[in-house]
Amino acid sequence: MTTATDRIVKEQGLEGRVAEIVEPAIEQIGYRLVRVRTSGLNGMTLQIMAERPDGTMTVEDCEAVSRAVSPVLDVDDPIDKAYHLEVSSPGIDRPLVRKGDFETWAGFLMKLETNRLINERKRYRGKIVAVGDEAITVERDQPAEGEPGAVEIPFDAIGEARLILTDDLIAAALKADKAARKARGDVDPDAGDDDEAGAFEH
């Protein structure tokens, strides 16, 4: 059974190897891995997306994660060329990778791509209306004539899922961020609300 904190959307290949290496180091200092991506930006960029368990992430947090993952990446050395390491927050239009993410952001518009055909298609856009033990139910935004309005998608079929930026989402995300910072005892809950940290060169 999938728990709320298990990552259900995982990387493959090189990105999967990097995730295996960095996730324990990130968790050890009290953060959660969201996603690993590599790109050809600046020669090669390794992007690690992370967050606190309460969903917040400041520039200082990104620096802490960068310091934690750099030594383990140096030891295991999964990338055979020079690269830039970039640690960032998930942002408001965040990827959904845990069961808890789908529960938290149920009712908000998202786009989802499956790793196999579900009802003869792989791409969906809509709102999460139910989260079960093994699947989510998505109420589709604009189903074609004759297609079902709601579809159940098993967790193991989700290749990628991401929130879509809307006014409702922005308002909810800012409210949640402020509440989390206040609960944590931050002096100024409006400070340090950066969407992304700078790049840390490896």
Protein backbone atom coordinates (compact mmCIF):
# COMPACT_ATOMS: atom_id res chain seq x y z
CA MET A 1 0.00 0.00 0.00
CA THR A 2 1.27 3.45 -0.91
CA THR A 3 1.76 5.87 1.99
CA ALA A 4 1.28 9.63 1.74
CA THR A 5 5.04 10.27 1.94
CA ASP A 6 6.27 7.67 -0.60
CA ARG A 7 7.37 9.09 -3.95
CA ILE A 8 5.18 7.38 -6.54
CA VAL A 9 6.52 9.31 -9.54
CA LYS A 10 10.16 8.30 -9.91
CA GLU A 11 12.95 8.96 -12.36
CA GLN A 12 14.51 6.41 -14.70
CA GLY A 13 18.05 5.92 -16.04
CA LEU A 14 20.70 8.45 -14.97
CA GLU A 15 18.16 10.64 -13.18
CA GLY A 16 16.96 7.60 -11.24
CA ARG A 17 20.52 6.76 -10.22
CA VAL A 18 21.12 10.34 -9.04
CA ALA A 19 17.83 10.26 -7.07
CA GLU A 20 18.92 7.06 -5.29
CA ILE A 21 22.21 8.70 -4.32
CA VAL A 22 20.89 12.08 -3.11
CA GLU A 23 17.55 11.17 -1.51
CA PRO A 24 19.03 9.68 1.73
CA ALA A 25 21.34 12.71 2.14
CA ILE A 26 18.42 15.11 1.62
CA GLU A 27 16.19 13.24 4.09
CA GLN A 28 18.98 13.06 6.65
CA ILE A 29 18.97 16.87 7.00
CA GLY A 30 15.17 17.08 7.22
CA TYR A 31 14.08 17.76 3.63
CA ARG A 32 12.25 15.75 0.96
CA LEU A 33 13.33 15.08 -2.60
CA VAL A 34 10.73 16.17 -5.15
CA ARG A 35 12.42 15.54 -8.48
CA VAL A 36 15.73 15.10 -10.30
CA ARG A 37 16.21 16.40 -13.85
CA THR A 38 19.19 16.69 -16.16
CA SER A 39 19.37 19.09 -19.09
CA GLY A 40 21.86 20.33 -21.66
CA LEU A 41 21.73 23.84 -20.17
CA ASN A 42 25.20 25.39 -19.60
CA GLY A 43 26.88 22.26 -20.96
CA MET A 44 25.00 20.09 -18.47
CA THR A 45 22.79 21.01 -15.56
CA LEU A 46 21.63 18.69 -12.80
CA GLN A 47 18.50 20.09 -11.17
CA ILE A 48 17.44 18.77 -7.79
CA MET A 49 14.04 19.93 -6.58
CA ALA A 50 13.47 19.63 -2.84
CA GLU A 51 11.26 20.97 -0.05
CA ARG A 52 10.71 20.91 3.68
CA PRO A 53 8.04 18.44 4.86
CA ASP A 54 5.67 21.43 5.27
CA GLY A 55 6.11 22.32 1.59
CA THR A 56 8.21 25.47 2.05
CA MET A 57 11.69 26.09 0.68
CA THR A 58 13.91 29.17 1.00
CA VAL A 59 17.17 30.09 -0.70
CA GLU A 60 18.96 29.11 2.54
CA ASP A 61 17.23 25.72 2.45
CA CYS A 62 18.39 25.22 -1.15
CA GLU A 63 21.96 26.02 -0.09
CA ALA A 64 21.73 23.50 2.77
CA VAL A 65 20.53 20.78 0.38
CA SER A 66 23.28 21.66 -2.09
CA ARG A 67 25.93 21.29 0.64
CA ALA A 68 24.45 17.92 1.67
CA VAL A 69 24.28 16.37 -1.81
CA SER A 70 27.58 17.63 -3.27
CA PRO A 71 29.84 15.24 -1.24
CA VAL A 72 27.72 12.14 -2.00
CA LEU A 73 27.65 13.02 -5.70
CA ASP A 74 31.44 13.43 -5.62
CA VAL A 75 31.86 9.99 -4.04
CA ASP A 76 29.47 8.09 -6.32
CA ASP A 77 30.19 10.27 -9.36
CA PRO A 78 27.20 9.14 -11.46
CA ILE A 79 27.71 11.82 -14.14
CA ASP A 80 30.81 11.33 -16.29
CA LYS A 81 31.20 14.98 -17.33
CA ALA A 82 31.36 18.45 -15.79
CA TYR A 83 27.95 19.78 -14.75
CA HIS A 84 26.24 22.59 -12.88
CA LEU A 85 24.28 21.59 -9.77
CA GLU A 86 21.09 23.58 -9.26
CA VAL A 87 18.88 23.10 -6.21
CA SER A 88 15.42 24.65 -6.37
CA SER A 89 11.99 24.69 -4.73
CA PRO A 90 9.07 22.99 -6.48
CA GLY A 91 7.38 26.36 -7.20
CA ILE A 92 3.64 26.98 -7.23
CA ASP A 93 2.94 24.96 -10.41
CA ARG A 94 4.75 22.10 -8.74
CA PRO A 95 5.20 18.49 -9.81
CA LEU A 96 2.99 16.05 -7.87
CA VAL A 97 5.13 13.07 -6.87
CA ARG A 98 3.68 11.73 -3.60
CA LYS A 99 0.23 10.48 -2.66
CA GLY A 100 0.15 13.33 -0.14
CA ASP A 101 0.71 15.86 -2.96
CA PHE A 102 -2.38 14.61 -4.78
CA GLU A 103 -4.36 14.79 -1.51
CA THR A 104 -3.13 18.29 -0.68
CA TRP A 105 -3.86 19.72 -4.13
CA ALA A 106 -7.10 17.86 -4.89
CA GLY A 107 -9.58 20.20 -6.58
CA PHE A 108 -6.91 22.16 -8.45
CA LEU A 109 -6.25 21.94 -12.17
CA MET A 110 -3.33 19.76 -13.22
CA LYS A 111 -1.91 18.04 -16.28
CA LEU A 112 -0.85 14.43 -16.12
CA GLU A 113 0.93 12.06 -18.46
CA THR A 114 0.74 8.31 -18.01
CA ASN A 115 3.40 5.74 -18.83
CA ARG A 116 0.83 3.50 -20.54
CA LEU A 117 -2.53 3.95 -22.24
CA ILE A 118 -5.44 4.56 -19.88
CA ASN A 119 -8.81 4.70 -21.70
CA GLU A 120 -6.93 4.92 -25.01
CA ARG A 121 -4.91 8.00 -24.08
CA LYS A 122 -1.81 9.08 -22.16
CA ARG A 123 -2.38 12.80 -21.52
CA TYR A 124 -4.97 14.16 -19.14
CA ARG A 125 -5.90 17.62 -17.88
CA GLY A 126 -8.37 18.11 -15.05
CA LYS A 127 -8.93 18.17 -11.31
CA ILE A 128 -8.24 15.42 -8.79
CA VAL A 129 -11.58 14.54 -7.23
CA ALA A 130 -10.56 11.43 -5.27
CA VAL A 131 -7.35 9.85 -3.97
CA GLY A 132 -7.52 6.16 -3.11
CA ASP A 133 -4.97 3.65 -1.84
CA GLU A 134 -3.77 2.73 -5.34
CA ALA A 135 -5.25 5.30 -7.73
CA ILE A 136 -6.54 8.83 -8.23
CA THR A 137 -9.72 9.91 -9.97
CA VAL A 138 -9.42 12.87 -12.33
CA GLU A 139 -12.40 14.90 -13.48
CA ARG A 140 -11.37 15.92 -16.96
CA ASP A 141 -11.28 19.58 -17.96
CA GLN A 142 -12.56 19.27 -21.53
CA PRO A 143 -13.33 15.66 -22.45
CA ALA A 144 -14.03 15.01 -26.12
CA GLU A 145 -17.56 13.96 -27.06
CA GLY A 146 -18.18 10.37 -26.10
CA GLU A 147 -15.18 10.22 -23.71
CA PRO A 148 -15.71 9.73 -19.96
CA GLY A 149 -15.74 12.89 -17.85
CA ALA A 150 -13.90 11.21 -14.99
CA VAL A 151 -11.14 8.63 -15.18
CA GLU A 152 -9.34 6.53 -12.57
CA ILE A 153 -5.57 6.47 -12.98
CA PRO A 154 -3.48 3.97 -10.98
CA PHE A 155 -0.45 5.44 -9.18
CA ASP A 156 1.88 3.06 -11.04
CA ALA A 157 0.64 4.47 -14.36
CA ILE A 158 1.54 8.10 -13.55
CA GLY A 159 4.61 9.17 -15.52
CA GLU A 160 4.43 12.87 -14.70
CA ALA A 161 1.91 15.14 -13.01
CA ARG A 162 2.08 18.90 -12.51
CA LEU A 163 -0.23 21.63 -11.24
CA ILE A 164 -1.37 24.27 -13.73
CA LEU A 165 -0.90 27.90 -12.68
CA THR A 166 -4.28 29.49 -11.97
CA ASP A 167 -5.38 32.39 -9.75
CA ASP A 168 -7.00 29.90 -7.33
CA LEU A 169 -3.78 27.90 -7.10
CA ILE A 170 -1.60 30.99 -6.52
CA ALA A 171 -3.90 32.18 -3.71
CA ALA A 172 -4.01 28.72 -2.07
CA ALA A 173 -0.24 28.19 -2.38
CA LEU A 174 0.60 31.58 -0.85
CA LYS A 175 -1.86 30.95 2.00
CA ALA A 176 -0.41 27.49 2.68
CA ASP A 177 3.16 28.82 2.56
CA LYS A 178 2.35 31.63 5.01
CA ALA A 179 0.60 29.22 7.39
CA ALA A 180 3.55 26.80 7.29
CA ARG A 181 6.08 29.54 8.00
CA LYS A 182 3.95 30.89 10.85
CA ALA A 183 3.60 27.41 12.36
CA ARG A 184 7.37 27.03 12.15
CA GLY A 185 7.87 30.30 14.01
CA ASP A 186 9.46 32.32 11.22
CA VAL A 187 9.65 35.96 12.30
CA ASP A 188 8.38 37.27 8.97
CA PRO A 189 6.21 34.75 7.11
CA ASP A 190 6.34 36.94 4.00
CA ALA A 191 10.15 36.94 3.79
CA GLY A 192 12.28 34.51 1.85
CA ASP A 193 9.44 33.40 -0.40
CA ASP A 194 11.72 32.65 -3.36
CA ASP A 195 10.49 30.26 -5.99
CA GLU A 196 13.95 29.11 -6.92
CA ALA A 197 17.46 29.31 -5.63
CA GLY A 198 20.42 30.18 -7.76
CA ALA A 199 22.54 27.58 -9.45
CA PHE A 200 25.38 26.05 -7.49
CA GLU A 201 28.22 25.07 -9.76
CA HIS A 202 29.68 21.63 -9.25
